[in-house]
C-alpha atoms as a PDB file:
ATOM      1  CA  MET A   1     -10.221 168.759 -33.887  1.00  0.00           C
ATOM      2  CA  LEU A   2     -10.065 165.506 -33.610  1.00  0.00           C
ATOM      3  CA  GLU A   3      -8.134 165.203 -36.459  1.00  0.00           C
ATOM      4  CA  LYS A   4      -5.559 162.440 -36.377  1.00  0.00           C
ATOM      5  CA  ASP A   5      -2.768 161.497 -38.705  1.00  0.00           C
ATOM      6  CA  GLY A   6      -4.608 162.916 -41.750  1.00  0.00           C
ATOM      7  CA  GLN A   7      -7.863 161.077 -41.516  1.00  0.00           C
ATOM      8  CA  ASP A   8     -11.314 162.254 -41.675  1.00  0.00           C
ATOM      9  CA  PRO A   9     -12.104 163.505 -38.233  1.00  0.00           C
ATOM     10  CA  LYS A  10     -15.535 162.017 -38.414  1.00  0.00           C
ATOM     11  CA  ALA A  11     -14.741 158.577 -38.943  1.00  0.00           C
ATOM     12  CA  ASN A  12     -15.236 155.691 -36.434  1.00  0.00           C
ATOM     13  CA  ALA A  13     -16.442 158.738 -33.927  1.00  0.00           C
ATOM     14  CA  TRP A  14     -18.999 158.397 -31.482  1.00  0.00           C
ATOM     15  CA  MET A  15     -20.458 161.127 -28.489  1.00  0.00           C
ATOM     16  CA  ASP A  16     -21.773 160.038 -24.970  1.00  0.00           C
ATOM     17  CA  LYS A  17     -23.373 162.663 -22.623  1.00  0.00           C
ATOM     18  CA  SER A  18     -23.271 161.644 -19.333  1.00  0.00           C
ATOM     19  CA  GLN A  19     -26.463 163.738 -17.054  1.00  0.00           C
ATOM     20  CA  ARG A  20     -26.223 164.978 -13.745  1.00  0.00           C
ATOM     21  CA  GLU A  21     -28.799 167.022 -11.446  1.00  0.00           C
ATOM     22  CA  SER A  22     -27.242 169.982  -8.965  1.00  0.00           C
ATOM     23  CA  GLY A  23     -30.185 171.561  -6.971  1.00  0.00           C
ATOM     24  CA  GLU A  24     -32.385 172.287 -10.029  1.00  0.00           C
ATOM     25  CA  LYS A  25     -30.024 172.633 -12.681  1.00  0.00           C
ATOM     26  CA  ILE A  26     -28.799 170.040 -15.336  1.00  0.00           C
ATOM     27  CA  GLN A  27     -25.640 169.591 -16.115  1.00  0.00           C
ATOM     28  CA  PHE A  28     -23.889 168.101 -18.796  1.00  0.00           C
ATOM     29  CA  ALA A  29     -20.669 166.364 -19.481  1.00  0.00           C
ATOM     30  CA  LEU A  30     -19.720 165.191 -23.207  1.00  0.00           C
ATOM     31  CA  ARG A  31     -17.151 162.605 -24.393  1.00  0.00           C
ATOM     32  CA  PHE A  32     -15.824 161.774 -28.225  1.00  0.00           C
ATOM     33  CA  LYS A  33     -14.299 158.377 -29.029  1.00  0.00           C
ATOM     34  CA  ARG A  34     -12.110 157.580 -31.482  1.00  0.00           C
ATOM     35  CA  ASP A  35      -9.639 155.156 -31.808  1.00  0.00           C
ATOM     36  CA  GLN A  36      -9.777 153.622 -28.384  1.00  0.00           C
ATOM     37  CA  LEU A  37      -9.405 157.427 -26.581  1.00  0.00           C
ATOM     38  CA  TYR A  38     -11.854 160.086 -25.094  1.00  0.00           C
ATOM     39  CA  TYR A  39     -11.811 163.460 -26.025  1.00  0.00           C
ATOM     40  CA  SER A  40     -13.917 166.271 -23.787  1.00  0.00           C
ATOM     41  CA  PRO A  41     -14.516 169.802 -24.210  1.00  0.00           C
ATOM     42  CA  ALA A  42     -13.483 171.478 -20.665  1.00  0.00           C
ATOM     43  CA  VAL A  43     -13.380 175.237 -20.017  1.00  0.00           C
ATOM     44  CA  ALA A  44     -10.586 176.169 -18.424  1.00  0.00           C
ATOM     45  CA  ASP A  45      -9.039 179.966 -18.357  1.00  0.00           C
ATOM     46  CA  GLY A  46     -12.924 181.165 -19.915  1.00  0.00           C
ATOM     47  CA  LYS A  47     -11.379 179.283 -22.943  1.00  0.00           C
ATOM     48  CA  LEU A  48     -12.888 175.822 -24.880  1.00  0.00           C
ATOM     49  CA  LYS A  49     -10.647 173.381 -25.125  1.00  0.00           C
ATOM     50  CA  MET A  50     -10.563 169.627 -26.588  1.00  0.00           C
ATOM     51  CA  GLU A  51      -9.233 167.229 -24.202  1.00  0.00           C
ATOM     52  CA  MET A  52      -7.684 163.784 -24.236  1.00  0.00           C
ATOM     53  CA  THR A  53     -10.038 162.226 -21.279  1.00  0.00           C
ATOM     54  CA  PRO A  54     -10.554 158.938 -19.243  1.00  0.00           C
ATOM     55  CA  SER A  55     -12.613 156.189 -20.112  1.00  0.00           C
ATOM     56  CA  SER A  56     -14.843 157.022 -17.082  1.00  0.00           C
ATOM     57  CA  PRO A  57     -17.295 160.194 -16.819  1.00  0.00           C
ATOM     58  CA  ALA A  58     -17.150 159.897 -12.995  1.00  0.00           C
ATOM     59  CA  SER A  59     -13.890 161.005 -12.969  1.00  0.00           C
ATOM     60  CA  LEU A  60     -14.503 164.364 -15.103  1.00  0.00           C
ATOM     61  CA  ASP A  61     -13.548 167.412 -13.056  1.00  0.00           C
ATOM     62  CA  GLU A  62     -16.403 170.490 -13.246  1.00  0.00           C
ATOM     63  CA  THR A  63     -14.059 172.012 -16.084  1.00  0.00           C
ATOM     64  CA  TYR A  64     -15.468 169.275 -18.178  1.00  0.00           C
ATOM     65  CA  TRP A  65     -18.884 169.977 -17.254  1.00  0.00           C
ATOM     66  CA  PHE A  66     -21.842 171.951 -18.557  1.00  0.00           C
ATOM     67  CA  GLU A  67     -25.106 173.384 -17.132  1.00  0.00           C
ATOM     68  CA  LYS A  68     -28.829 173.748 -19.281  1.00  0.00           C
ATOM     69  CA  VAL A  69     -29.668 177.183 -19.020  1.00  0.00           C
ATOM     70  CA  ASN A  70     -33.071 178.353 -19.697  1.00  0.00           C
ATOM     71  CA  ILE A  71     -32.865 182.034 -21.644  1.00  0.00           C
ATOM     72  CA  GLU A  72     -36.636 182.692 -21.386  1.00  0.00           C
ATOM     73  CA  ALA A  73     -37.011 182.534 -25.370  1.00  0.00           C
ATOM     74  CA  GLY A  74     -39.721 179.504 -25.490  1.00  0.00           C
ATOM     75  CA  GLU A  75     -37.907 176.197 -26.084  1.00  0.00           C
ATOM     76  CA  TYR A  76     -34.569 177.450 -26.176  1.00  0.00           C
ATOM     77  CA  HIS A  77     -31.315 176.729 -23.752  1.00  0.00           C
ATOM     78  CA  GLU A  78     -27.961 177.753 -23.533  1.00  0.00           C
ATOM     79  CA  LEU A  79     -25.039 175.653 -22.294  1.00  0.00           C
ATOM     80  CA  ARG A  80     -23.343 177.630 -19.163  1.00  0.00           C
ATOM     81  CA  SER A  81     -19.973 176.330 -17.749  1.00  0.00           C
ATOM     82  CA  VAL A  82     -20.000 174.658 -14.222  1.00  0.00           C
ATOM     83  CA  SER A  83     -16.272 175.773 -13.165  1.00  0.00           C
ATOM     84  CA  LYS A  84     -16.100 179.456 -12.887  1.00  0.00           C
ATOM     85  CA  PRO A  85     -15.847 181.689 -13.840  1.00  0.00           C
ATOM     86  CA  GLN A  86     -18.555 181.085 -15.869  1.00  0.00           C
ATOM     87  CA  VAL A  87     -18.696 181.007 -19.357  1.00  0.00           C
ATOM     88  CA  TYR A  88     -21.574 180.308 -22.369  1.00  0.00           C
ATOM     89  CA  LEU A  89     -20.899 178.579 -25.046  1.00  0.00           C
ATOM     90  CA  CYS A  90     -21.438 179.913 -28.117  1.00  0.00           C
ATOM     91  CA  LEU A  91     -21.046 179.714 -31.727  1.00  0.00           C
ATOM     92  CA  ILE A  92     -18.320 182.150 -33.690  1.00  0.00           C
ATOM     93  CA  GLY A  93     -18.402 181.441 -37.663  1.00  0.00           C
ATOM     94  CA  LYS A  94     -18.376 177.696 -38.384  1.00  0.00           C
ATOM     95  CA  GLU A  95     -16.188 177.696 -34.337  1.00  0.00           C
ATOM     96  CA  ILE A  96     -17.679 176.761 -31.324  1.00  0.00           C
ATOM     97  CA  SER A  97     -16.081 179.192 -28.313  1.00  0.00           C
ATOM     98  CA  THR A  98     -16.975 180.661 -24.737  1.00  0.00           C
ATOM     99  CA  CYS A  99     -18.883 183.638 -24.184  1.00  0.00           C
ATOM    100  CA  GLY A 100     -19.091 185.862 -21.340  1.00  0.00           C
END
């Protein structure tokens, strides 16, 4: 997704995780940096997108935040979007997508 000009998308890229608490829920916003540009996964209209974002995570709105949900299966958790309608991140084949 971060591929640019035919370059290897893994080259010169790193991930940053911001965390906040909302009641008893832990919420995360992920940012990836490549070539001085920041990208974040966002859920809009129930679909997962990778979008260019500002350098400060404080300016990210609810579409960029996910919360950790206990699925009552030991130490396993799911990530659910904070924005409505809430969807879960899931793995379909080799791609990360959203599930209702």
